[in-house]
Protein backbone atom coordinates (compact mmCIF):
# COMPACT_ATOMS: atom_id res chain seq x y z
CA MET A 1 -8.91 95.75 26.05
CA THR A 2 -6.41 92.89 25.95
CA LYS A 3 -3.99 92.92 28.84
CA GLN A 4 -0.62 91.31 29.20
CA VAL A 5 -0.36 88.07 31.17
CA ARG A 6 3.04 87.69 32.82
CA GLN A 7 4.42 84.34 33.97
CA ILE A 8 5.91 84.26 37.49
CA ASP A 9 7.08 81.29 39.53
CA ARG A 10 5.76 82.32 42.95
CA VAL A 11 4.00 85.08 44.87
CA ILE A 12 3.14 85.92 48.48
CA ILE A 13 -0.16 87.72 49.14
CA ARG A 14 -1.41 89.04 52.47
CA PHE A 15 -5.02 90.11 53.02
CA ALA A 16 -5.40 92.38 56.06
CA GLY A 17 -8.26 94.26 57.68
CA ASP A 18 -10.48 94.39 60.75
CA SER A 19 -11.35 91.08 62.36
CA GLY A 20 -14.88 91.64 61.04
CA ASP A 21 -13.82 92.35 57.46
CA GLY A 22 -13.78 88.70 56.43
CA MET A 23 -10.05 88.44 55.78
CA GLN A 24 -9.86 84.82 56.94
CA LEU A 25 -12.72 83.86 54.63
CA THR A 26 -11.17 85.82 51.77
CA GLY A 27 -7.80 84.18 52.24
CA ASP A 28 -9.34 80.75 52.62
CA ARG A 29 -11.32 81.06 49.41
CA PHE A 30 -8.26 82.27 47.49
CA THR A 31 -6.35 79.33 48.96
CA GLN A 32 -8.97 76.77 47.98
CA GLU A 33 -8.97 77.99 44.38
CA THR A 34 -5.18 77.98 44.33
CA ALA A 35 -5.12 74.42 45.61
CA SER A 36 -7.63 73.30 42.98
CA PHE A 37 -5.46 74.95 40.30
CA GLY A 38 -2.55 72.73 41.33
CA ASN A 39 -0.06 75.15 42.86
CA ASP A 40 2.03 74.22 45.84
CA LEU A 41 1.07 76.50 48.71
CA SER A 42 1.47 77.35 52.37
CA THR A 43 -0.67 79.67 54.47
CA LEU A 44 -0.39 81.73 57.65
CA PRO A 45 -3.68 82.95 59.18
CA ASN A 46 -3.05 85.57 61.88
CA PHE A 47 -6.00 86.94 63.83
CA PRO A 48 -6.79 88.44 67.24
CA ALA A 49 -8.17 86.40 70.12
CA GLU A 50 -11.26 88.57 70.54
CA ILE A 51 -14.35 87.55 68.60
CA ARG A 52 -14.69 91.14 67.41
CA ALA A 53 -11.77 93.33 68.41
CA PRO A 54 -12.24 97.13 68.37
CA ALA A 55 -12.76 98.23 64.76
CA GLY A 56 -9.98 100.20 63.13
CA THR A 57 -7.40 99.52 65.85
CA LEU A 58 -4.04 97.78 65.62
CA PRO A 59 -5.03 94.99 68.06
CA GLY A 60 -8.06 94.28 65.88
CA VAL A 61 -6.13 93.60 62.67
CA SER A 62 -6.70 90.18 61.13
CA SER A 63 -4.54 88.92 58.27
CA PHE A 64 -4.17 85.90 56.03
CA GLN A 65 -0.94 85.25 54.15
CA LEU A 66 -0.68 82.83 51.24
CA HIS A 67 2.48 81.75 49.42
CA PHE A 68 1.90 79.78 46.22
CA ALA A 69 4.27 78.63 43.52
CA ASP A 70 4.90 76.44 40.51
CA HIS A 71 7.46 74.45 42.52
CA ASP A 72 7.88 72.89 45.95
CA ILE A 73 7.75 75.45 48.78
CA MET A 74 7.99 75.00 52.54
CA THR A 75 6.71 78.19 54.23
CA PRO A 76 4.05 80.91 53.90
CA GLY A 77 6.88 83.24 52.95
CA ASP A 78 8.88 85.82 54.86
CA ALA A 79 7.41 89.00 53.36
CA PRO A 80 4.37 89.65 51.16
CA ASP A 81 4.78 90.74 47.55
CA VAL A 82 1.20 92.03 47.67
CA LEU A 83 -0.60 93.57 50.63
CA VAL A 84 -4.35 94.20 50.51
CA ALA A 85 -5.02 96.70 53.33
CA MET A 86 -8.67 97.35 54.07
CA ASN A 87 -8.01 100.26 56.47
CA PRO A 88 -5.18 102.33 58.02
CA ALA A 89 -4.73 99.88 60.89
CA ALA A 90 -4.14 97.02 58.45
CA LEU A 91 -1.57 99.11 56.59
CA LYS A 92 0.30 100.22 59.69
CA ALA A 93 0.34 96.73 61.23
CA ASN A 94 1.87 95.19 58.11
CA VAL A 95 3.82 97.83 56.20
CA GLU A 96 7.09 97.09 58.00
CA ASP A 97 6.99 93.54 56.62
CA LEU A 98 6.91 94.70 53.00
CA PRO A 99 10.00 94.44 50.79
CA ARG A 100 10.84 97.41 48.62
CA GLY A 101 8.72 97.42 45.48
CA ALA A 102 5.82 95.47 46.95
CA LEU A 103 2.32 96.15 45.64
CA VAL A 104 0.00 97.75 48.20
CA ILE A 105 -3.73 97.77 47.43
CA VAL A 106 -5.51 100.05 49.89
CA ASN A 107 -9.17 100.75 50.50
CA THR A 108 -9.16 104.56 50.37
CA ASP A 109 -12.69 104.85 51.77
CA GLU A 110 -11.38 103.94 55.22
CA PHE A 111 -8.51 106.47 55.25
CA THR A 112 -10.49 109.13 57.10
CA LYS A 113 -8.99 111.54 59.63
CA ARG A 114 -10.63 109.63 62.47
CA ASN A 115 -9.33 106.24 61.33
CA LEU A 116 -5.85 107.64 60.70
CA ALA A 117 -5.72 109.21 64.16
CA LYS A 118 -6.97 105.99 65.75
CA VAL A 119 -3.74 104.20 64.79
CA GLY A 120 -1.39 107.14 65.30
CA TYR A 121 -0.95 108.43 61.76
CA ALA A 122 -0.23 112.18 61.93
CA SER A 123 -0.67 112.42 58.16
CA ASN A 124 -2.17 110.28 55.44
CA PRO A 125 0.47 107.73 54.30
CA LEU A 126 -1.18 107.68 50.87
CA GLU A 127 -0.25 111.34 50.45
CA ASP A 128 2.87 112.04 52.53
CA GLY A 129 5.38 109.99 50.52
CA SER A 130 5.99 107.38 53.22
CA LEU A 131 4.99 104.63 50.77
CA ALA A 132 7.29 105.86 48.01
CA GLY A 133 9.25 102.62 48.05
CA HIS A 134 6.17 100.61 47.10
CA LYS A 135 3.69 100.44 44.26
CA VAL A 136 0.41 101.77 45.65
CA SER A 137 -3.01 101.13 44.13
CA ALA A 138 -5.49 103.35 45.95
CA ILE A 139 -8.98 101.98 45.32
CA PRO A 140 -12.26 102.98 47.02
CA LEU A 141 -13.21 99.35 47.61
CA THR A 142 -16.14 100.05 49.93
CA SER A 143 -17.88 102.68 47.79
CA MET A 144 -17.27 100.72 44.59
CA THR A 145 -18.88 97.68 46.20
CA VAL A 146 -21.86 99.71 47.38
CA LYS A 147 -22.21 101.20 43.90
CA ALA A 148 -22.12 97.75 42.29
CA LEU A 149 -24.90 96.57 44.62
CA GLU A 150 -27.19 99.60 44.47
CA ASP A 151 -29.83 97.67 42.54
CA PHE A 152 -29.83 94.73 44.96
CA ALA A 153 -32.27 94.31 47.84
CA VAL A 154 -29.66 94.67 50.57
CA SER A 155 -28.97 97.38 53.11
CA LYS A 156 -25.99 99.70 52.78
CA LYS A 157 -24.39 97.92 55.73
CA ASP A 158 -24.74 94.53 54.06
CA ALA A 159 -23.41 95.99 50.82
CA GLU A 160 -20.35 97.35 52.62
CA ARG A 161 -19.73 93.95 54.18
CA ALA A 162 -19.32 92.48 50.68
CA LYS A 163 -16.17 94.53 50.03
CA ASN A 164 -14.03 91.51 50.85
CA MET A 165 -15.66 89.69 47.92
CA PHE A 166 -14.85 92.66 45.67
CA ALA A 167 -11.21 92.41 46.79
CA LEU A 168 -11.25 88.64 46.27
CA GLY A 169 -12.63 89.07 42.76
CA LEU A 170 -9.92 91.61 41.92
CA LEU A 171 -7.09 89.40 43.20
CA SER A 172 -8.62 86.36 41.49
CA TRP A 173 -8.47 88.22 38.18
CA MET A 174 -4.97 89.50 38.87
CA TYR A 175 -3.57 85.98 39.40
CA ASN A 176 -5.87 84.08 37.03
CA ARG A 177 -7.45 81.98 39.76
CA PRO A 178 -10.39 79.65 39.06
CA THR A 179 -13.73 81.01 40.25
CA GLU A 180 -16.13 78.07 40.14
CA GLY A 181 -15.35 76.93 43.67
CA THR A 182 -15.90 80.36 45.20
CA LEU A 183 -19.14 80.91 43.32
CA GLY A 184 -20.40 77.52 44.46
CA PHE A 185 -19.30 78.24 48.02
CA LEU A 186 -21.25 81.51 48.13
CA LYS A 187 -24.35 79.86 46.72
CA THR A 188 -24.21 77.18 49.39
CA LYS A 189 -23.28 79.47 52.28
CA PHE A 190 -26.10 81.93 51.63
CA ALA A 191 -28.66 79.50 50.20
CA HIS A 192 -31.20 80.54 52.84
CA ARG A 193 -30.59 84.26 52.22
CA PRO A 194 -30.85 84.65 48.45
CA GLU A 195 -30.52 88.44 48.55
CA ILE A 196 -27.18 88.20 50.41
CA MET A 197 -26.03 85.43 48.08
CA ALA A 198 -26.81 87.54 45.01
CA ALA A 199 -25.04 90.57 46.49
CA ASN A 200 -21.85 88.66 47.29
CA LEU A 201 -21.80 87.01 43.87
CA ALA A 202 -22.21 90.41 42.26
CA ALA A 203 -19.48 91.97 44.43
CA PHE A 204 -17.07 89.19 43.48
CA GLN A 205 -17.87 89.65 39.80
CA ALA A 206 -17.55 93.43 40.12
CA GLY A 207 -14.05 93.04 41.54
CA TRP A 208 -13.09 90.72 38.68
CA ASN A 209 -14.55 93.14 36.12
CA PHE A 210 -12.71 96.07 37.69
CA GLY A 211 -9.41 94.28 37.25
CA GLU A 212 -10.31 93.40 33.69
CA THR A 213 -11.25 96.96 32.67
CA THR A 214 -9.28 99.42 34.81
CA GLU A 215 -6.09 101.04 33.59
CA ASP A 216 -4.64 100.75 37.11
CA PHE A 217 -3.69 97.13 36.40
CA ALA A 218 -2.14 96.67 32.97
CA VAL A 219 -0.79 93.21 33.74
CA SER A 220 -2.22 90.04 35.25
CA TYR A 221 -0.06 87.16 36.42
CA GLU A 222 -0.03 83.42 36.00
CA VAL A 223 1.63 80.93 38.32
CA LYS A 224 1.58 77.55 36.63
CA PRO A 225 0.68 74.37 38.55
CA ALA A 226 3.47 72.73 40.49
CA ALA A 227 4.97 69.41 39.43
CA LEU A 228 3.84 67.50 42.51
CA PRO A 229 4.18 63.70 42.83
CA PRO A 230 1.26 61.85 41.19
CA GLY A 231 -1.79 61.32 43.33
CA THR A 232 -5.05 62.82 44.52
CA TYR A 233 -4.57 66.01 46.50
CA ARG A 234 -6.66 68.24 48.70
CA ASN A 235 -5.88 71.33 50.71
CA ILE A 236 -5.70 70.51 54.42
CA THR A 237 -5.07 72.27 57.72
CA GLY A 238 -3.29 70.65 60.63
CA ASN A 239 -6.43 70.40 62.76
CA LEU A 240 -8.37 68.79 59.93
CA ALA A 241 -5.51 66.36 59.29
CA ILE A 242 -5.46 65.35 62.97
CA ALA A 243 -9.20 64.70 62.87
CA TYR A 244 -8.83 62.55 59.76
CA GLY A 245 -5.83 60.76 61.24
CA LEU A 246 -7.76 59.89 64.39
CA ILE A 247 -10.62 58.50 62.31
CA ALA A 248 -8.12 56.48 60.28
CA GLY A 249 -6.52 55.22 63.49
CA SER A 250 -9.95 54.17 64.72
CA GLU A 251 -10.64 52.26 61.52
CA LEU A 252 -7.19 50.64 61.43
CA SER A 253 -7.42 49.50 65.04
CA GLY A 254 -11.06 48.45 64.88
CA LEU A 255 -11.82 50.58 67.94
CA PRO A 256 -14.70 53.06 68.19
CA LEU A 257 -13.39 56.61 68.56
CA PHE A 258 -14.51 58.62 71.59
CA LEU A 259 -13.46 62.25 71.93
CA GLY A 260 -13.90 63.92 75.30
CA SER A 261 -13.05 67.57 74.89
CA TYR A 262 -13.67 71.11 76.06
CA PRO A 263 -13.53 73.87 73.41
CA ILE A 264 -10.28 75.84 73.51
CA THR A 265 -8.38 77.85 70.91
CA PRO A 266 -6.65 76.70 68.74
CA ALA A 267 -7.78 73.07 69.15
CA SER A 268 -11.57 73.43 68.87
CA ASP A 269 -11.70 72.69 65.14
CA ILE A 270 -10.75 69.07 65.85
CA LEU A 271 -13.84 68.68 68.03
CA HIS A 272 -15.98 70.42 65.42
CA GLU A 273 -14.72 68.18 62.62
CA LEU A 274 -14.98 64.89 64.49
CA SER A 275 -18.56 65.69 65.48
CA LYS A 276 -19.46 65.46 61.76
CA HIS A 277 -18.38 61.83 61.38
CA LYS A 278 -20.84 59.73 63.34
CA ARG A 279 -21.09 57.40 60.34
CA PHE A 280 -17.59 56.19 61.23
CA GLY A 281 -18.67 55.37 64.77
CA VAL A 282 -17.17 58.57 66.18
CA ARG A 283 -18.67 59.80 69.43
CA THR A 284 -17.90 63.33 70.58
CA PHE A 285 -18.58 64.65 74.06
CA GLN A 286 -18.28 68.41 74.61
CA ALA A 287 -17.56 68.44 78.32
CA GLU A 288 -18.20 71.20 80.84
CA ASP A 289 -14.48 71.59 81.52
CA GLU A 290 -11.05 70.19 80.64
CA ILE A 291 -10.97 67.73 83.54
CA SER A 292 -14.31 66.20 82.59
CA GLY A 293 -13.21 65.88 78.98
CA VAL A 294 -10.07 63.88 79.70
CA GLY A 295 -11.82 61.88 82.43
CA ALA A 296 -14.50 60.79 79.99
CA ALA A 297 -11.85 59.89 77.39
CA LEU A 298 -9.97 57.75 79.91
CA GLY A 299 -13.24 56.10 80.93
CA ALA A 300 -13.91 55.29 77.29
CA ALA A 301 -10.46 53.71 77.03
CA PHE A 302 -11.20 51.60 80.12
CA GLY A 303 -14.35 50.46 78.33
CA GLY A 304 -12.45 49.35 75.24
CA ALA A 305 -12.72 52.41 72.99
CA LEU A 306 -10.08 54.65 71.47
CA GLY A 307 -10.08 57.48 74.02
CA VAL A 308 -8.95 60.89 72.78
CA THR A 309 -8.91 64.37 74.29
CA THR A 310 -7.90 67.66 72.65
CA THR A 311 -6.72 70.88 74.25
CA SER A 312 -4.09 73.61 74.36
CA GLY A 313 -1.54 74.61 77.00
CA PRO A 314 -3.90 75.86 79.75
CA GLY A 315 -6.01 72.73 79.37
CA MET A 316 -2.95 70.50 79.62
CA VAL A 317 -2.37 71.85 83.11
CA LEU A 318 -5.87 70.82 84.15
CA LYS A 319 -5.62 67.41 82.50
CA ALA A 320 -2.30 66.53 84.15
CA GLU A 321 -3.76 64.53 87.04
CA THR A 322 -5.89 62.35 84.77
CA ILE A 323 -2.97 61.78 82.39
CA GLY A 324 -1.04 60.59 85.43
CA LEU A 325 -3.94 58.27 86.23
CA ALA A 326 -3.71 56.89 82.68
CA VAL A 327 0.01 56.25 83.27
CA MET A 328 -0.77 54.38 86.49
CA THR A 329 -3.68 52.37 85.08
CA GLU A 330 -1.71 51.77 81.85
CA LEU A 331 -4.59 52.46 79.52
CA PRO A 332 -4.28 53.84 75.98
CA LEU A 333 -5.18 57.52 75.69
CA VAL A 334 -4.35 60.04 72.95
CA VAL A 335 -3.89 63.63 74.14
CA ILE A 336 -3.68 66.34 71.47
CA ASP A 337 -2.07 69.58 72.68
CA VAL A 338 -2.29 72.33 70.05
CA GLN A 339 0.26 74.68 71.57
CA ARG A 340 -0.25 78.43 71.80
CA GLY A 341 1.54 81.36 73.38
CA GLY A 342 1.61 81.28 77.18
CA PRO A 343 1.72 81.15 80.11
CA SER A 344 -1.87 81.26 81.40
CA THR A 345 -4.27 82.60 78.76
CA GLY A 346 -1.26 84.06 76.98
CA LEU A 347 -1.72 84.46 73.22
CA PRO A 348 -4.67 82.19 72.35
CA THR A 349 -4.44 82.65 68.57
CA LYS A 350 -0.63 82.75 68.22
CA THR A 351 1.79 79.87 67.87
CA GLU A 352 4.48 78.64 70.27
CA GLN A 353 6.44 75.46 71.11
CA ALA A 354 6.71 75.95 74.84
CA ASP A 355 4.80 72.90 76.14
CA LEU A 356 7.55 70.33 75.54
CA LEU A 357 8.90 70.18 79.08
CA MET A 358 5.36 70.18 80.48
CA ALA A 359 4.43 67.25 78.23
CA LEU A 360 7.46 65.33 79.46
CA TYR A 361 7.50 66.25 83.14
CA GLY A 362 4.32 68.14 84.02
CA ARG A 363 2.85 65.48 86.32
CA ASN A 364 3.63 64.31 89.83
CA GLY A 365 5.93 61.36 90.37
CA GLU A 366 7.77 59.40 87.71
CA SER A 367 5.16 59.60 84.98
CA PRO A 368 6.70 58.74 81.59
CA VAL A 369 4.61 59.43 78.49
CA PRO A 370 5.49 59.13 74.79
CA VAL A 371 5.53 62.54 73.07
CA LEU A 372 5.16 63.09 69.32
CA ALA A 373 5.17 66.25 67.20
CA PRO A 374 4.02 66.71 63.59
CA ARG A 375 6.21 68.78 61.30
CA SER A 376 3.63 70.09 58.80
CA PRO A 377 -0.15 70.34 58.42
CA GLY A 378 -0.22 67.19 56.30
CA ASP A 379 2.05 65.32 58.71
CA CYS A 380 -0.57 65.82 61.42
CA PHE A 381 -2.49 62.96 59.76
CA ASP A 382 0.41 60.52 60.05
CA ILE A 383 1.30 61.60 63.59
CA ALA A 384 -2.29 61.04 64.75
CA ILE A 385 -2.16 57.47 63.41
CA GLU A 386 1.24 56.94 65.02
CA ALA A 387 -0.15 58.16 68.35
CA VAL A 388 -2.99 55.64 68.11
CA ARG A 389 -0.53 52.86 67.24
CA ILE A 390 1.78 53.57 70.16
CA ALA A 391 -1.05 54.13 72.66
CA THR A 392 -2.81 50.87 71.84
CA THR A 393 0.33 48.77 71.40
CA TYR A 394 2.01 49.89 74.61
CA ARG A 395 -1.09 50.65 76.73
CA THR A 396 -0.04 54.19 77.52
CA PRO A 397 -1.22 57.76 77.15
CA VAL A 398 0.49 59.53 74.22
CA ILE A 399 0.82 63.31 73.92
CA VAL A 400 0.86 64.92 70.47
CA LEU A 401 2.35 68.43 70.39
CA SER A 402 0.89 70.29 67.45
CA ASP A 403 0.86 74.11 67.43
CA GLY A 404 -1.25 77.03 66.29
CA TYR A 405 0.79 77.54 63.12
CA LEU A 406 0.25 73.96 61.95
CA ALA A 407 -3.34 73.83 63.21
CA ASN A 408 -4.56 76.80 61.17
CA GLY A 409 -2.06 76.74 58.32
CA SER A 410 -2.67 74.64 55.23
CA GLU A 411 -0.87 72.91 52.38
CA PRO A 412 -1.65 70.46 49.56
CA TRP A 413 -1.90 66.95 50.99
CA ARG A 414 -1.70 63.82 48.91
CA ILE A 415 -4.43 61.47 50.10
CA PRO A 416 -2.70 58.19 50.97
CA GLU A 417 -3.71 54.80 49.67
CA VAL A 418 -5.41 52.79 52.41
CA ASP A 419 -3.01 49.90 51.83
CA SER A 420 -0.08 52.18 52.66
CA LEU A 421 -1.32 52.91 56.19
CA PRO A 422 0.28 51.00 59.08
CA GLU A 423 -1.39 47.99 60.62
CA ILE A 424 -2.67 48.56 64.15
CA ARG A 425 -3.47 45.31 65.90
CA VAL A 426 -5.44 45.39 69.13
CA ASP A 427 -6.00 42.24 71.17
CA PHE A 428 -8.24 42.37 74.21
CA ALA A 429 -7.76 39.92 77.06
CA SER A 430 -10.27 37.11 76.72
CA GLY A 431 -9.47 34.74 79.56
CA PRO A 432 -7.00 33.68 82.24
CA ASN A 433 -3.36 34.41 81.37
CA SER A 434 -1.35 32.82 84.17
CA GLU A 435 -0.15 29.32 84.88
CA ASP A 436 -2.46 29.00 87.88
CA GLY A 437 -5.52 29.69 85.74
CA THR A 438 -6.21 33.20 87.04
CA PHE A 439 -6.23 36.55 85.29
CA GLN A 440 -3.28 38.73 86.24
CA PRO A 441 -3.84 42.29 84.95
CA TYR A 442 -0.16 43.27 85.24
CA LEU A 443 1.37 40.18 83.68
CA ARG A 444 3.15 41.89 80.81
CA ASP A 445 3.90 41.18 77.19
CA PRO A 446 7.61 40.29 77.21
CA GLU A 447 8.30 42.34 74.06
CA THR A 448 6.35 45.54 74.70
CA LEU A 449 5.91 45.33 78.50
CA ALA A 450 2.26 46.26 77.91
CA ARG A 451 -0.27 44.85 80.35
CA PRO A 452 -3.46 43.12 79.12
CA TRP A 453 -6.38 45.32 78.06
CA ALA A 454 -9.42 43.76 79.70
CA VAL A 455 -12.83 45.15 78.80
CA PRO A 456 -15.13 45.54 81.83
CA GLY A 457 -17.80 42.88 82.00
CA THR A 458 -15.67 40.11 80.50
CA PRO A 459 -16.31 37.08 82.74
CA GLY A 460 -13.31 36.06 84.84
CA LEU A 461 -11.30 39.23 84.11
CA GLU A 462 -12.41 41.28 87.10
CA HIS A 463 -9.52 43.43 88.36
CA ARG A 464 -8.73 46.65 90.19
CA VAL A 465 -7.93 49.95 88.51
CA GLY A 466 -7.14 53.27 90.12
CA GLY A 467 -4.41 55.67 91.05
CA ILE A 468 -2.93 53.73 93.96
CA GLU A 469 0.16 51.68 93.16
CA LYS A 470 -0.49 48.10 92.08
CA SER A 471 1.40 44.90 92.67
CA ASP A 472 3.35 43.47 89.80
CA ARG A 473 1.35 40.79 87.96
CA THR A 474 -1.66 40.59 90.34
CA GLY A 475 -2.68 44.25 90.32
CA ASP A 476 -3.46 44.18 94.03
CA ILE A 477 -2.97 47.43 95.93
CA SER A 478 0.59 47.57 97.23
CA TYR A 479 2.60 49.96 99.37
CA ALA A 480 5.71 47.74 99.38
CA PRO A 481 8.88 49.77 98.67
CA ALA A 482 10.44 47.10 96.46
CA ASN A 483 7.27 46.70 94.40
CA HIS A 484 6.94 50.46 93.87
CA ASP A 485 10.55 50.65 92.69
CA LEU A 486 9.92 47.75 90.30
CA MET A 487 6.72 49.23 88.88
CA VAL A 488 8.22 52.71 88.41
CA ARG A 489 11.20 51.25 86.55
CA THR A 490 9.00 48.93 84.50
CA ARG A 491 6.73 51.74 83.35
CA GLN A 492 9.81 53.74 82.34
CA ALA A 493 11.33 50.74 80.55
CA LYS A 494 8.10 50.28 78.60
CA ILE A 495 8.29 53.82 77.24
CA ASP A 496 12.04 53.60 76.60
CA GLY A 497 11.46 50.40 74.63
CA ILE A 498 9.32 52.24 72.09
CA ALA A 499 12.61 53.51 70.61
CA ARG A 500 13.11 50.03 69.11
CA ASP A 501 9.78 50.39 67.33
CA ILE A 502 10.30 53.74 65.59
CA ALA A 503 12.37 54.62 62.55
CA PRO A 504 15.91 55.96 62.98
CA LEU A 505 16.35 59.71 62.62
CA GLU A 506 16.93 60.60 58.97
CA VAL A 507 19.56 63.22 58.16
CA ASP A 508 19.50 65.32 55.00
CA ASP A 509 23.21 65.80 54.26
CA PRO A 510 23.51 65.59 50.45
CA ASP A 511 27.29 65.26 50.18
CA GLY A 512 27.93 63.90 53.65
CA ASP A 513 30.56 66.56 54.32
CA ALA A 514 28.63 69.13 56.38
CA ASP A 515 30.11 70.25 59.70
CA VAL A 516 26.89 71.86 60.95
CA LEU A 517 23.60 70.09 61.66
CA VAL A 518 20.35 72.02 62.09
CA LEU A 519 17.99 69.99 64.26
CA GLY A 520 14.38 71.00 64.78
CA TRP A 521 11.08 69.63 65.99
CA GLY A 522 7.42 70.32 65.34
CA GLY A 523 6.25 73.24 63.23
CA THR A 524 9.73 74.70 62.62
CA TYR A 525 10.34 72.14 59.85
CA GLY A 526 9.29 74.37 56.96
CA SER A 527 11.24 77.43 58.09
CA ILE A 528 14.37 75.38 58.78
CA GLY A 529 14.07 73.56 55.47
CA ALA A 530 13.66 76.78 53.49
CA ALA A 531 16.62 78.33 55.33
CA VAL A 532 18.81 75.30 54.65
CA ARG A 533 17.95 75.53 50.95
CA ARG A 534 19.04 79.17 50.89
CA VAL A 535 22.35 78.40 52.57
CA ARG A 536 23.06 75.53 50.19
CA ARG A 537 22.26 77.66 47.14
CA ALA A 538 24.85 80.13 48.41
CA GLY A 539 27.45 77.37 48.65
CA GLY A 540 27.14 76.55 52.35
CA ARG A 541 27.44 72.99 53.61
CA VAL A 542 24.77 72.18 56.16
CA ALA A 543 22.79 69.11 57.24
CA GLN A 544 19.20 69.03 58.46
CA ALA A 545 17.26 66.60 60.66
CA HIS A 546 13.86 66.89 62.28
CA LEU A 547 12.45 65.09 65.30
CA ARG A 548 8.89 63.74 65.26
CA HIS A 549 9.41 61.44 68.26
CA LEU A 550 10.45 63.44 71.32
CA ASN A 551 9.99 60.72 73.94
CA PRO A 552 11.61 58.41 73.46
CA PHE A 553 14.10 59.90 71.03
CA PRO A 554 15.07 57.82 67.98
CA ALA A 555 17.71 55.29 68.98
CA ASN A 556 20.37 56.80 66.71
CA LEU A 557 19.97 60.42 67.85
CA GLY A 558 23.11 60.44 69.99
CA GLU A 559 25.19 59.05 67.14
CA VAL A 560 23.80 61.68 64.77
CA LEU A 561 24.55 64.54 67.16
CA ARG A 562 28.12 63.41 67.74
CA GLY A 563 28.71 63.25 63.98
CA TYR A 564 28.78 67.05 63.58
CA ASP A 565 31.06 69.78 64.89
CA ARG A 566 28.13 72.07 65.66
CA VAL A 567 24.43 71.40 66.21
CA LEU A 568 22.01 74.33 65.90
CA VAL A 569 18.53 73.93 67.42
CA PRO A 570 15.97 76.64 66.48
CA GLU A 571 12.89 76.63 68.72
CA ILE A 572 9.88 78.84 69.36
CA ASN A 573 10.51 78.71 73.10
CA LEU A 574 13.51 79.53 75.28
CA GLY A 575 15.48 76.40 74.45
CA GLN A 576 13.59 73.40 75.81
CA LEU A 577 14.81 70.78 73.33
CA ALA A 578 18.34 72.17 73.57
CA LEU A 579 18.19 71.68 77.34
CA LEU A 580 17.12 68.06 76.90
CA LEU A 581 19.83 67.31 74.35
CA ARG A 582 22.58 68.79 76.50
CA GLY A 583 21.46 66.80 79.53
CA ARG A 584 20.91 63.52 77.71
CA PHE A 585 23.79 63.44 75.23
CA LEU A 586 26.32 65.92 76.72
CA VAL A 587 26.48 67.73 73.36
CA ASP A 588 26.96 71.49 73.48
CA VAL A 589 24.13 72.35 71.10
CA ILE A 590 23.59 75.94 70.02
CA GLY A 591 20.10 77.20 70.71
CA TYR A 592 18.36 79.87 68.65
CA THR A 593 15.03 80.95 70.10
CA LYS A 594 12.21 83.42 69.59
CA VAL A 595 8.77 83.64 71.20
CA ARG A 596 6.89 86.25 69.15
CA GLY A 597 3.79 84.18 68.41
CA LEU A 598 4.92 83.76 64.80
CA PRO A 599 6.92 81.14 62.88
CA PHE A 600 10.57 81.76 62.07
CA LYS A 601 11.43 83.56 58.85
CA ALA A 602 13.62 81.56 56.48
CA GLU A 603 15.90 84.51 55.72
CA GLU A 604 16.52 85.06 59.42
CA LEU A 605 17.39 81.40 60.04
CA ALA A 606 19.61 81.28 56.96
CA GLY A 607 21.68 84.11 58.43
CA VAL A 608 22.00 82.30 61.75
CA ILE A 609 23.03 79.06 60.03
CA GLN A 610 25.66 80.86 57.97
CA GLU A 611 27.11 82.47 61.10
CA VAL A 612 27.51 79.04 62.71
CA ILE A 613 29.15 77.66 59.54
CA ASP A 614 31.55 80.60 59.43
CA ARG A 615 32.59 80.01 63.05
CA VAL A 616 33.40 76.36 62.30
CA GLU A 617 35.38 77.15 59.16
């Protein structure tokens, strides 16, 4: 039977089920094949914090959303066009997000009275008309998978577990995805369990065959590759990009990379990835706690290595004292904070942008630290290199504020040419640096105000380090009031001076006649950009700018802010950047905030932007 193939320009698919149903794996495999096909894409994994949350319950629902298109896109999409719901909990947790007319593929085997009651359904939504506004395909995914595997040497339980591969095969047929990568992945993953490998391969093929032969699906869809700039691409998550960026920074600077880290969600993948790259001279130390991790990283920096530590919000609190020590000793240290919902344990697997003020001020005393924030998964690579450059050039700890959305989300990333990467020059002190023939550890570079970096054991460069205040130039311990005032102001001036060494803030204002500027930072870039596009398509005039350097700000930020009648600042916190901008530039910015553990929706932001434009006009 020949079926119609319909061309579409984009689609949003959400896989949802129990946290043990393999939805993250299913979504990831669909994403990898979509990336290899050449579509532009953006993903949003969303899963519970528990390793295995209670089966069939709303808190246990795990989902993976993928938006892919034949053109440039910026977000995982506001609402799914297709929902694959493996049980009643997955349906109930996601049905409110569906637009009218969305396709809902449900696993009918799980819609038992017990499972329906577990999530509060008084009647079966597949039968009571509550899904009348959607196209419903009711398929017994579990029993069909078990039937397809009845001749394989696997238990019924193992056969049932393969239902996610059946669903993946069906969706792969429906959207004409390549299959070679997934088949190869399964062969590699289960190479030591050939019976499980064969069962999963068969389940995937059974799902594909079902789509090909059933009358339930008369049409399949094709989304052509996107016209991306020429180059070599790969799909990349934010955490993977940070790991690669740190390795690149190590190579560019000529410094061995040392990571001292304690596993914490959602930053652990950086530790896992870096541990695979010993051939690049990377050393990873999984410490017993957060304090040990950052202490070891600072010790490595003292010894002449590129010291890095990774964490999330709760770990930042514990690392604060050692970061302050790095400020006082003026040693390079890169601190990666992959932000999550807080306070305390908070929402370990959900995104948030609420660590900005802590990064700036969460230490005792005057403790200035440069703060950077990537805007997309791919940008995490560039920000990691920039953090290495600033840390080594200015002899300072640098905090990078990523977030859970960027860390776990993915997009196509064009692998850069090595020649295009910035030069990072590191010069260690090699001998006396003063007119009297002695080594003065706080005799500063007149341009950067950085002190010399002297590797322990270098003859003639013995000097004190520690948390007690040091004398200017000599580094001797000093309690003198005037010296403390000088050193505090000098450390601040060093950080302020970085503004001369970063690019001016770029503003996207096509006609130069917008009255409203939307200013964001970090992971809100995609949502803001998509919202701005919507407003412009509707005839609205709006400018957009996005901050990657949060301390110091770009030198032209004040001028940019004063060039617009209204400045709107969307943040996934309660207005931390807005507070800073009001205090620093005396501009009455308009804050728009939400803290739901999820990224902004473009449609929502577009409405807010239009309201601000209407008030100006």
